[in-house]
Amino acid sequence: MLRHEFQPGRLVAGTFLALAGIIYVGDAGDAWETPWFVVIPMVIGGLCLAAAVALTARGIRRRRSPTTPPRAHPAPPVGPGPELKP
């Protein structure tokens, strides 16, 4: 399996959406009664929190990423150079 970059925003969004699914399954299985207005604010709040976490993680990642250091010597020209007259 290829390694991939950890994305905490997706983790938070997935957690809230899974929680919404669990709430609906519990309501459908008559384990409890869930009012209709409970899940929508929870999902919207979870998505907003996921966006904030993703933006924070992106800012941290961009700040820590190594920048390309400037070259000490310019690269030599490619191909034939200017002709010198004797």
PDB file of N, CA and C in Angstrom:
ATOM      1  N   MET A   1       0.840  -1.173   0.000  1.00  0.00           N
ATOM      2  CA  MET A   1       0.000   0.000   0.000  1.00  0.00           C
ATOM      3  C   MET A   1       0.885   1.236   0.000  1.00  0.00           C
ATOM      4  N   LEU A   2       0.552   2.173  -0.860  1.00  0.00           N
ATOM      5  CA  LEU A   2       1.327   3.394  -0.926  1.00  0.00           C
ATOM      6  C   LEU A   2       1.034   4.274   0.276  1.00  0.00           C
ATOM      7  N   ARG A   3       2.055   4.914   0.769  1.00  0.00           N
ATOM      8  CA  ARG A   3       1.857   5.836   1.883  1.00  0.00           C
ATOM      9  C   ARG A   3       1.268   7.129   1.335  1.00  0.00           C
ATOM     10  N   HIS A   4       0.443   7.743   2.132  1.00  0.00           N
ATOM     11  CA  HIS A   4      -0.180   8.990   1.702  1.00  0.00           C
ATOM     12  C   HIS A   4      -0.073  10.017   2.814  1.00  0.00           C
ATOM     13  N   GLU A   5      -0.363  11.228   2.435  1.00  0.00           N
ATOM     14  CA  GLU A   5      -0.279  12.346   3.373  1.00  0.00           C
ATOM     15  C   GLU A   5      -1.471  12.309   4.332  1.00  0.00           C
ATOM     16  N   PHE A   6      -1.204  12.526   5.608  1.00  0.00           N
ATOM     17  CA  PHE A   6      -2.266  12.552   6.610  1.00  0.00           C
ATOM     18  C   PHE A   6      -3.053  13.842   6.455  1.00  0.00           C
ATOM     19  N   GLN A   7      -4.376  13.724   6.367  1.00  0.00           N
ATOM     20  CA  GLN A   7      -5.246  14.878   6.200  1.00  0.00           C
ATOM     21  C   GLN A   7      -6.253  14.900   7.342  1.00  0.00           C
ATOM     22  N   PRO A   8      -5.969  15.679   8.390  1.00  0.00           N
ATOM     23  CA  PRO A   8      -6.845  15.677   9.556  1.00  0.00           C
ATOM     24  C   PRO A   8      -8.235  16.249   9.287  1.00  0.00           C
ATOM     25  N   GLY A   9      -8.380  17.122   8.310  1.00  0.00           N
ATOM     26  CA  GLY A   9      -9.695  17.668   7.979  1.00  0.00           C
ATOM     27  C   GLY A   9     -10.643  16.588   7.500  1.00  0.00           C
ATOM     28  N   ARG A  10     -10.135  15.683   6.693  1.00  0.00           N
ATOM     29  CA  ARG A  10     -10.972  14.579   6.218  1.00  0.00           C
ATOM     30  C   ARG A  10     -11.322  13.622   7.352  1.00  0.00           C
ATOM     31  N   LEU A  11     -10.413  13.452   8.282  1.00  0.00           N
ATOM     32  CA  LEU A  11     -10.684  12.603   9.439  1.00  0.00           C
ATOM     33  C   LEU A  11     -11.835  13.178  10.271  1.00  0.00           C
ATOM     34  N   VAL A  12     -11.812  14.477  10.502  1.00  0.00           N
ATOM     35  CA  VAL A  12     -12.872  15.123  11.289  1.00  0.00           C
ATOM     36  C   VAL A  12     -14.205  15.050  10.541  1.00  0.00           C
ATOM     37  N   ALA A  13     -14.188  15.325   9.238  1.00  0.00           N
ATOM     38  CA  ALA A  13     -15.425  15.260   8.453  1.00  0.00           C
ATOM     39  C   ALA A  13     -15.984  13.842   8.444  1.00  0.00           C
ATOM     40  N   GLY A  14     -15.132  12.872   8.264  1.00  0.00           N
ATOM     41  CA  GLY A  14     -15.588  11.485   8.266  1.00  0.00           C
ATOM     42  C   GLY A  14     -16.144  11.052   9.602  1.00  0.00           C
ATOM     43  N   THR A  15     -15.550  11.539  10.683  1.00  0.00           N
ATOM     44  CA  THR A  15     -16.042  11.200  12.021  1.00  0.00           C
ATOM     45  C   THR A  15     -17.452  11.741  12.235  1.00  0.00           C
ATOM     46  N   PHE A  16     -17.676  12.985  11.859  1.00  0.00           N
ATOM     47  CA  PHE A  16     -19.005  13.574  12.044  1.00  0.00           C
ATOM     48  C   PHE A  16     -20.045  12.926  11.133  1.00  0.00           C
ATOM     49  N   LEU A  17     -19.666  12.589   9.911  1.00  0.00           N
ATOM     50  CA  LEU A  17     -20.630  11.938   9.022  1.00  0.00           C
ATOM     51  C   LEU A  17     -20.931  10.514   9.481  1.00  0.00           C
ATOM     52  N   ALA A  18     -19.930   9.819  10.013  1.00  0.00           N
ATOM     53  CA  ALA A  18     -20.175   8.481  10.563  1.00  0.00           C
ATOM     54  C   ALA A  18     -21.078   8.570  11.793  1.00  0.00           C
ATOM     55  N   LEU A  19     -20.867   9.588  12.615  1.00  0.00           N
ATOM     56  CA  LEU A  19     -21.723   9.791  13.776  1.00  0.00           C
ATOM     57  C   LEU A  19     -23.168  10.058  13.358  1.00  0.00           C
ATOM     58  N   ALA A  20     -23.349  10.841  12.292  1.00  0.00           N
ATOM     59  CA  ALA A  20     -24.702  11.087  11.786  1.00  0.00           C
ATOM     60  C   ALA A  20     -25.335   9.787  11.296  1.00  0.00           C
ATOM     61  N   GLY A  21     -24.560   8.947  10.643  1.00  0.00           N
ATOM     62  CA  GLY A  21     -25.075   7.662  10.198  1.00  0.00           C
ATOM     63  C   GLY A  21     -25.460   6.765  11.359  1.00  0.00           C
ATOM     64  N   ILE A  22     -24.645   6.758  12.414  1.00  0.00           N
ATOM     65  CA  ILE A  22     -24.956   5.956  13.603  1.00  0.00           C
ATOM     66  C   ILE A  22     -26.244   6.454  14.264  1.00  0.00           C
ATOM     67  N   ILE A  23     -26.412   7.769  14.296  1.00  0.00           N
ATOM     68  CA  ILE A  23     -27.639   8.330  14.884  1.00  0.00           C
ATOM     69  C   ILE A  23     -28.862   7.900  14.085  1.00  0.00           C
ATOM     70  N   TYR A  24     -28.766   7.948  12.755  1.00  0.00           N
ATOM     71  CA  TYR A  24     -29.897   7.524  11.933  1.00  0.00           C
ATOM     72  C   TYR A  24     -30.164   6.031  12.048  1.00  0.00           C
ATOM     73  N   VAL A  25     -29.116   5.219  12.136  1.00  0.00           N
ATOM     74  CA  VAL A  25     -29.309   3.777  12.293  1.00  0.00           C
ATOM     75  C   VAL A  25     -29.974   3.466  13.634  1.00  0.00           C
ATOM     76  N   GLY A  26     -29.555   4.158  14.682  1.00  0.00           N
ATOM     77  CA  GLY A  26     -30.190   3.956  15.982  1.00  0.00           C
ATOM     78  C   GLY A  26     -31.642   4.372  15.985  1.00  0.00           C
ATOM     79  N   ASP A  27     -31.946   5.443  15.266  1.00  0.00           N
ATOM     80  CA  ASP A  27     -33.324   5.892  15.176  1.00  0.00           C
ATOM     81  C   ASP A  27     -34.156   4.913  14.345  1.00  0.00           C
ATOM     82  N   ALA A  28     -33.591   4.403  13.257  1.00  0.00           N
ATOM     83  CA  ALA A  28     -34.324   3.464  12.408  1.00  0.00           C
ATOM     84  C   ALA A  28     -34.533   2.123  13.113  1.00  0.00           C
ATOM     85  N   GLY A  29     -33.586   1.728  13.967  1.00  0.00           N
ATOM     86  CA  GLY A  29     -33.714   0.472  14.685  1.00  0.00           C
ATOM     87  C   GLY A  29     -34.497   0.587  15.971  1.00  0.00           C
ATOM     88  N   ASP A  30     -35.130   1.693  16.213  1.00  0.00           N
ATOM     89  CA  ASP A  30     -35.931   1.952  17.420  1.00  0.00           C
ATOM     90  C   ASP A  30     -35.122   1.835  18.709  1.00  0.00           C
ATOM     91  N   ALA A  31     -33.832   2.126  18.624  1.00  0.00           N
ATOM     92  CA  ALA A  31     -33.015   2.152  19.842  1.00  0.00           C
ATOM     93  C   ALA A  31     -33.259   3.461  20.598  1.00  0.00           C
ATOM     94  N   TRP A  32     -33.537   4.533  19.880  1.00  0.00           N
ATOM     95  CA  TRP A  32     -33.836   5.826  20.480  1.00  0.00           C
ATOM     96  C   TRP A  32     -34.591   6.677  19.461  1.00  0.00           C
ATOM     97  N   GLU A  33     -35.128   7.758  19.912  1.00  0.00           N
ATOM     98  CA  GLU A  33     -35.831   8.711  19.050  1.00  0.00           C
ATOM     99  C   GLU A  33     -34.936   9.913  18.814  1.00  0.00           C
ATOM    100  N   THR A  34     -34.720  10.243  17.564  1.00  0.00           N
ATOM    101  CA  THR A  34     -33.896  11.391  17.217  1.00  0.00           C
ATOM    102  C   THR A  34     -34.775  12.431  16.542  1.00  0.00           C
ATOM    103  N   PRO A  35     -34.849  13.648  17.077  1.00  0.00           N
ATOM    104  CA  PRO A  35     -35.612  14.697  16.394  1.00  0.00           C
ATOM    105  C   PRO A  35     -34.966  15.035  15.045  1.00  0.00           C
ATOM    106  N   TRP A  36     -35.759  15.491  14.115  1.00  0.00           N
ATOM    107  CA  TRP A  36     -35.257  15.754  12.772  1.00  0.00           C
ATOM    108  C   TRP A  36     -34.223  16.875  12.736  1.00  0.00           C
ATOM    109  N   PHE A  37     -34.286  17.783  13.695  1.00  0.00           N
ATOM    110  CA  PHE A  37     -33.417  18.957  13.653  1.00  0.00           C
ATOM    111  C   PHE A  37     -32.079  18.746  14.352  1.00  0.00           C
ATOM    112  N   VAL A  38     -31.761  17.557  14.777  1.00  0.00           N
ATOM    113  CA  VAL A  38     -30.507  17.314  15.502  1.00  0.00           C
ATOM    114  C   VAL A  38     -29.351  17.061  14.551  1.00  0.00           C
ATOM    115  N   VAL A  39     -29.573  16.279  13.518  1.00  0.00           N
ATOM    116  CA  VAL A  39     -28.466  15.807  12.679  1.00  0.00           C
ATOM    117  C   VAL A  39     -27.946  16.903  11.750  1.00  0.00           C
ATOM    118  N   ILE A  40     -28.820  17.719  11.208  1.00  0.00           N
ATOM    119  CA  ILE A  40     -28.388  18.737  10.244  1.00  0.00           C
ATOM    120  C   ILE A  40     -27.394  19.724  10.862  1.00  0.00           C
ATOM    121  N   PRO A  41     -27.656  20.322  12.029  1.00  0.00           N
ATOM    122  CA  PRO A  41     -26.644  21.214  12.613  1.00  0.00           C
ATOM    123  C   PRO A  41     -25.357  20.479  12.998  1.00  0.00           C
ATOM    124  N   MET A  42     -25.486  19.207  13.389  1.00  0.00           N
ATOM    125  CA  MET A  42     -24.288  18.449  13.751  1.00  0.00           C
ATOM    126  C   MET A  42     -23.403  18.229  12.516  1.00  0.00           C
ATOM    127  N   VAL A  43     -23.996  17.890  11.381  1.00  0.00           N
ATOM    128  CA  VAL A  43     -23.226  17.673  10.160  1.00  0.00           C
ATOM    129  C   VAL A  43     -22.615  18.979   9.668  1.00  0.00           C
ATOM    130  N   ILE A  44     -23.403  20.052   9.677  1.00  0.00           N
ATOM    131  CA  ILE A  44     -22.880  21.348   9.230  1.00  0.00           C
ATOM    132  C   ILE A  44     -21.758  21.825  10.153  1.00  0.00           C
ATOM    133  N   GLY A  45     -21.957  21.674  11.456  1.00  0.00           N
ATOM    134  CA  GLY A  45     -20.898  22.040  12.402  1.00  0.00           C
ATOM    135  C   GLY A  45     -19.651  21.192  12.216  1.00  0.00           C
ATOM    136  N   GLY A  46     -19.838  19.908  11.956  1.00  0.00           N
ATOM    137  CA  GLY A  46     -18.693  19.032  11.714  1.00  0.00           C
ATOM    138  C   GLY A  46     -17.937  19.402  10.453  1.00  0.00           C
ATOM    139  N   LEU A  47     -18.671  19.768   9.399  1.00  0.00           N
ATOM    140  CA  LEU A  47     -18.006  20.180   8.168  1.00  0.00           C
ATOM    141  C   LEU A  47     -17.265  21.505   8.340  1.00  0.00           C
ATOM    142  N   CYS A  48     -17.837  22.422   9.108  1.00  0.00           N
ATOM    143  CA  CYS A  48     -17.142  23.692   9.382  1.00  0.00           C
ATOM    144  C   CYS A  48     -15.891  23.448  10.217  1.00  0.00           C
ATOM    145  N   LEU A  49     -16.001  22.579  11.209  1.00  0.00           N
ATOM    146  CA  LEU A  49     -14.834  22.240  12.015  1.00  0.00           C
ATOM    147  C   LEU A  49     -13.772  21.549  11.164  1.00  0.00           C
ATOM    148  N   ALA A  50     -14.194  20.674  10.244  1.00  0.00           N
ATOM    149  CA  ALA A  50     -13.248  19.999   9.357  1.00  0.00           C
ATOM    150  C   ALA A  50     -12.540  21.005   8.453  1.00  0.00           C
ATOM    151  N   ALA A  51     -13.258  22.006   7.986  1.00  0.00           N
ATOM    152  CA  ALA A  51     -12.639  23.032   7.148  1.00  0.00           C
ATOM    153  C   ALA A  51     -11.608  23.829   7.937  1.00  0.00           C
ATOM    154  N   ALA A  52     -11.940  24.164   9.174  1.00  0.00           N
ATOM    155  CA  ALA A  52     -10.990  24.910  10.010  1.00  0.00           C
ATOM    156  C   ALA A  52      -9.751  24.073  10.301  1.00  0.00           C
ATOM    157  N   VAL A  53      -9.940  22.793  10.582  1.00  0.00           N
ATOM    158  CA  VAL A  53      -8.796  21.905  10.848  1.00  0.00           C
ATOM    159  C   VAL A  53      -7.945  21.757   9.591  1.00  0.00           C
ATOM    160  N   ALA A  54      -8.591  21.613   8.432  1.00  0.00           N
ATOM    161  CA  ALA A  54      -7.842  21.458   7.183  1.00  0.00           C
ATOM    162  C   ALA A  54      -7.041  22.716   6.856  1.00  0.00           C
ATOM    163  N   LEU A  55      -7.637  23.884   7.061  1.00  0.00           N
ATOM    164  CA  LEU A  55      -6.902  25.129   6.795  1.00  0.00           C
ATOM    165  C   LEU A  55      -5.738  25.306   7.762  1.00  0.00           C
ATOM    166  N   THR A  56      -5.944  24.943   9.009  1.00  0.00           N
ATOM    167  CA  THR A  56      -4.858  25.028   9.988  1.00  0.00           C
ATOM    168  C   THR A  56      -3.735  24.065   9.635  1.00  0.00           C
ATOM    169  N   ALA A  57      -4.083  22.845   9.266  1.00  0.00           N
ATOM    170  CA  ALA A  57      -3.067  21.865   8.892  1.00  0.00           C
ATOM    171  C   ALA A  57      -2.317  22.303   7.642  1.00  0.00           C
ATOM    172  N   ARG A  58      -3.035  22.893   6.694  1.00  0.00           N
ATOM    173  CA  ARG A  58      -2.373  23.382   5.485  1.00  0.00           C
ATOM    174  C   ARG A  58      -1.403  24.516   5.800  1.00  0.00           C
ATOM    175  N   GLY A  59      -1.824  25.417   6.678  1.00  0.00           N
ATOM    176  CA  GLY A  59      -0.927  26.509   7.071  1.00  0.00           C
ATOM    177  C   GLY A  59       0.319  26.003   7.768  1.00  0.00           C
ATOM    178  N   ILE A  60       0.164  25.031   8.630  1.00  0.00           N
ATOM    179  CA  ILE A  60       1.328  24.455   9.317  1.00  0.00           C
ATOM    180  C   ILE A  60       2.222  23.740   8.324  1.00  0.00           C
ATOM    181  N   ARG A  61       1.614  22.988   7.406  1.00  0.00           N
ATOM    182  CA  ARG A  61       2.387  22.235   6.416  1.00  0.00           C
ATOM    183  C   ARG A  61       3.148  23.176   5.492  1.00  0.00           C
ATOM    184  N   ARG A  62       2.523  24.272   5.085  1.00  0.00           N
ATOM    185  CA  ARG A  62       3.200  25.226   4.201  1.00  0.00           C
ATOM    186  C   ARG A  62       4.336  25.937   4.917  1.00  0.00           C
ATOM    187  N   ARG A  63       4.151  26.202   6.210  1.00  0.00           N
ATOM    188  CA  ARG A  63       5.188  26.885   6.963  1.00  0.00           C
ATOM    189  C   ARG A  63       6.399  25.976   7.175  1.00  0.00           C
ATOM    190  N   ARG A  64       6.159  24.686   7.357  1.00  0.00           N
ATOM    191  CA  ARG A  64       7.250  23.747   7.619  1.00  0.00           C
ATOM    192  C   ARG A  64       7.915  23.225   6.365  1.00  0.00           C
ATOM    193  N   SER A  65       7.308  23.400   5.200  1.00  0.00           N
ATOM    194  CA  SER A  65       7.881  22.831   3.983  1.00  0.00           C
ATOM    195  C   SER A  65       9.186  23.532   3.656  1.00  0.00           C
ATOM    196  N   PRO A  66      10.194  22.754   3.304  1.00  0.00           N
ATOM    197  CA  PRO A  66      11.486  23.363   2.992  1.00  0.00           C
ATOM    198  C   PRO A  66      11.402  24.123   1.678  1.00  0.00           C
ATOM    199  N   THR A  67      11.943  25.303   1.672  1.00  0.00           N
ATOM    200  CA  THR A  67      11.974  26.076   0.442  1.00  0.00           C
ATOM    201  C   THR A  67      13.244  25.724  -0.318  1.00  0.00           C
ATOM    202  N   THR A  68      13.208  25.934  -1.577  1.00  0.00           N
ATOM    203  CA  THR A  68      14.377  25.627  -2.396  1.00  0.00           C
ATOM    204  C   THR A  68      15.437  26.689  -2.142  1.00  0.00           C
ATOM    205  N   PRO A  69      16.620  26.269  -1.677  1.00  0.00           N
ATOM    206  CA  PRO A  69      17.665  27.264  -1.419  1.00  0.00           C
ATOM    207  C   PRO A  69      18.181  27.834  -2.733  1.00  0.00           C
ATOM    208  N   PRO A  70      18.574  29.097  -2.731  1.00  0.00           N
ATOM    209  CA  PRO A  70      19.105  29.674  -3.967  1.00  0.00           C
ATOM    210  C   PRO A  70      20.425  29.009  -4.336  1.00  0.00           C
ATOM    211  N   ARG A  71      20.658  28.903  -5.620  1.00  0.00           N
ATOM    212  CA  ARG A  71      21.893  28.266  -6.084  1.00  0.00           C
ATOM    213  C   ARG A  71      23.082  29.190  -5.848  1.00  0.00           C
ATOM    214  N   ALA A  72      24.191  28.578  -5.479  1.00  0.00           N
ATOM    215  CA  ALA A  72      25.417  29.353  -5.278  1.00  0.00           C
ATOM    216  C   ALA A  72      26.054  29.681  -6.622  1.00  0.00           C
ATOM    217  N   HIS A  73      25.956  28.757  -7.571  1.00  0.00           N
ATOM    218  CA  HIS A  73      26.548  28.945  -8.895  1.00  0.00           C
ATOM    219  C   HIS A  73      25.467  28.739  -9.936  1.00  0.00           C
ATOM    220  N   PRO A  74      25.428  29.602 -10.941  1.00  0.00           N
ATOM    221  CA  PRO A  74      24.428  29.409 -11.990  1.00  0.00           C
ATOM    222  C   PRO A  74      24.734  28.145 -12.791  1.00  0.00           C
ATOM    223  N   ALA A  75      23.725  27.559 -13.365  1.00  0.00           N
ATOM    224  CA  ALA A  75      23.908  26.348 -14.161  1.00  0.00           C
ATOM    225  C   ALA A  75      24.629  26.692 -15.454  1.00  0.00           C
ATOM    226  N   PRO A  76      25.474  25.786 -15.925  1.00  0.00           N
ATOM    227  CA  PRO A  76      26.166  26.058 -17.191  1.00  0.00           C
ATOM    228  C   PRO A  76      25.171  26.026 -18.342  1.00  0.00           C
ATOM    229  N   PRO A  77      25.434  26.766 -19.400  1.00  0.00           N
ATOM    230  CA  PRO A  77      24.504  26.783 -20.535  1.00  0.00           C
ATOM    231  C   PRO A  77      24.459  25.416 -21.203  1.00  0.00           C
ATOM    232  N   VAL A  78      23.304  25.105 -21.741  1.00  0.00           N
ATOM    233  CA  VAL A  78      23.118  23.835 -22.435  1.00  0.00           C
ATOM    234  C   VAL A  78      23.302  24.058 -23.917  1.00  0.00           C
ATOM    235  N   GLY A  79      23.990  23.154 -24.597  1.00  0.00           N
ATOM    236  CA  GLY A  79      24.186  23.256 -26.026  1.00  0.00           C
ATOM    237  C   GLY A  79      25.476  24.035 -26.333  1.00  0.00           C
ATOM    238  N   PRO A  80      25.684  24.260 -27.611  1.00  0.00           N
ATOM    239  CA  PRO A  80      26.913  24.977 -27.972  1.00  0.00           C
ATOM    240  C   PRO A  80      26.865  26.422 -27.505  1.00  0.00           C
ATOM    241  N   GLY A  81      27.964  26.873 -26.996  1.00  0.00           N
ATOM    242  CA  GLY A  81      28.050  28.224 -26.499  1.00  0.00           C
ATOM    243  C   GLY A  81      28.353  29.197 -27.620  1.00  0.00           C
ATOM    244  N   PRO A  82      28.560  30.447 -27.286  1.00  0.00           N
ATOM    245  CA  PRO A  82      28.891  31.426 -28.337  1.00  0.00           C
ATOM    246  C   PRO A  82      30.259  31.097 -28.959  1.00  0.00           C
ATOM    247  N   GLU A  83      30.335  31.300 -30.248  1.00  0.00           N
ATOM    248  CA  GLU A  83      31.582  30.992 -30.934  1.00  0.00           C
ATOM    249  C   GLU A  83      32.586  32.107 -30.660  1.00  0.00           C
ATOM    250  N   LEU A  84      33.794  31.693 -30.411  1.00  0.00           N
ATOM    251  CA  LEU A  84      34.870  32.650 -30.184  1.00  0.00           C
ATOM    252  C   LEU A  84      35.672  32.807 -31.469  1.00  0.00           C
ATOM    253  N   LYS A  85      35.961  34.025 -31.849  1.00  0.00           N
ATOM    254  CA  LYS A  85      36.773  34.280 -33.038  1.00  0.00           C
ATOM    255  C   LYS A  85      38.223  34.326 -32.643  1.00  0.00           C
ATOM    256  N   PRO A  86      39.085  33.650 -33.431  1.00  0.00           N
ATOM    257  CA  PRO A  86      40.525  33.682 -33.063  1.00  0.00           C
ATOM    258  C   PRO A  86      41.184  34.976 -33.382  1.00  0.00           C
TER     259      PRO A  86
END
